[in-house]
């Protein structure tokens, strides 16, 4: 697994979570400080990590 970069907005550590919704499930990466900065992806775990890590800091 690729290492998660910190939150591009506040610099806090990020974590990956598996979200189960009424219509399905997907991976998400979110800021561990505010949990307000989040990105979700319905594909593989590696893809959501790649999307999170390519955001501008």
Protein backbone atom coordinates (compact mmCIF):
# COMPACT_ATOMS: atom_id res chain seq x y z
CA UNK A 1 0.00 0.00 0.00
CA UNK A 2 1.19 3.49 -0.83
CA UNK A 3 1.73 5.88 2.05
CA UNK A 4 -0.92 8.58 2.46
CA UNK A 5 0.25 12.17 2.24
CA UNK A 6 -1.02 14.57 4.94
CA UNK A 7 -4.15 16.65 4.47
CA UNK A 8 -3.43 19.28 1.79
CA UNK A 9 -5.49 21.88 3.68
CA UNK A 10 -4.33 21.60 7.30
CA UNK A 11 -1.36 19.21 7.18
CA UNK A 12 -2.91 16.67 9.58
CA UNK A 13 -2.42 12.94 9.16
CA UNK A 14 -4.82 11.15 6.79
CA UNK A 15 -6.53 7.79 7.20
CA UNK A 16 -8.25 5.40 4.82
CA UNK A 17 -11.70 4.05 5.67
CA UNK A 18 -14.16 1.66 4.05
CA UNK A 19 -17.63 3.21 3.83
CA UNK A 20 -20.80 1.17 3.54
CA UNK A 21 -23.83 3.07 2.27
CA UNK A 22 -27.39 1.97 1.58
CA UNK A 23 -26.60 1.71 -2.13
CA UNK A 24 -23.10 0.27 -1.97
CA UNK A 25 -19.66 0.68 -0.49
CA UNK A 26 -16.46 2.53 -1.35
CA UNK A 27 -13.08 3.61 -0.04
CA UNK A 28 -12.46 7.07 1.39
CA UNK A 29 -9.45 8.99 2.65
CA UNK A 30 -10.05 11.73 5.18
CA UNK A 31 -8.22 14.17 7.42
CA UNK A 32 -7.83 12.81 10.97
CA UNK A 33 -8.07 16.29 12.48
CA UNK A 34 -11.35 17.73 11.20
CA UNK A 35 -12.71 14.83 9.10
CA UNK A 36 -14.08 17.59 6.87
CA UNK A 37 -11.51 17.09 4.13
CA UNK A 38 -12.42 13.83 2.45
CA UNK A 39 -12.27 12.09 -0.92
CA UNK A 40 -14.30 8.98 -1.79
CA UNK A 41 -13.82 6.55 -4.65
CA UNK A 42 -15.82 3.51 -5.71
CA UNK A 43 -12.82 1.72 -7.20
CA UNK A 44 -9.92 -0.12 -5.60
CA UNK A 45 -8.24 1.13 -2.44
CA UNK A 46 -5.06 1.99 -4.36
CA UNK A 47 -7.01 4.39 -6.61
CA UNK A 48 -8.44 6.49 -3.76
CA UNK A 49 -4.94 6.73 -2.25
CA UNK A 50 -3.55 7.87 -5.60
CA UNK A 51 -6.30 10.51 -5.95
CA UNK A 52 -5.70 11.81 -2.40
CA UNK A 53 -1.94 11.98 -2.86
CA UNK A 54 -2.04 13.92 -6.15
CA UNK A 55 -3.94 16.90 -4.71
CA UNK A 56 -2.01 20.17 -4.50
CA UNK A 57 -0.59 21.08 -1.08
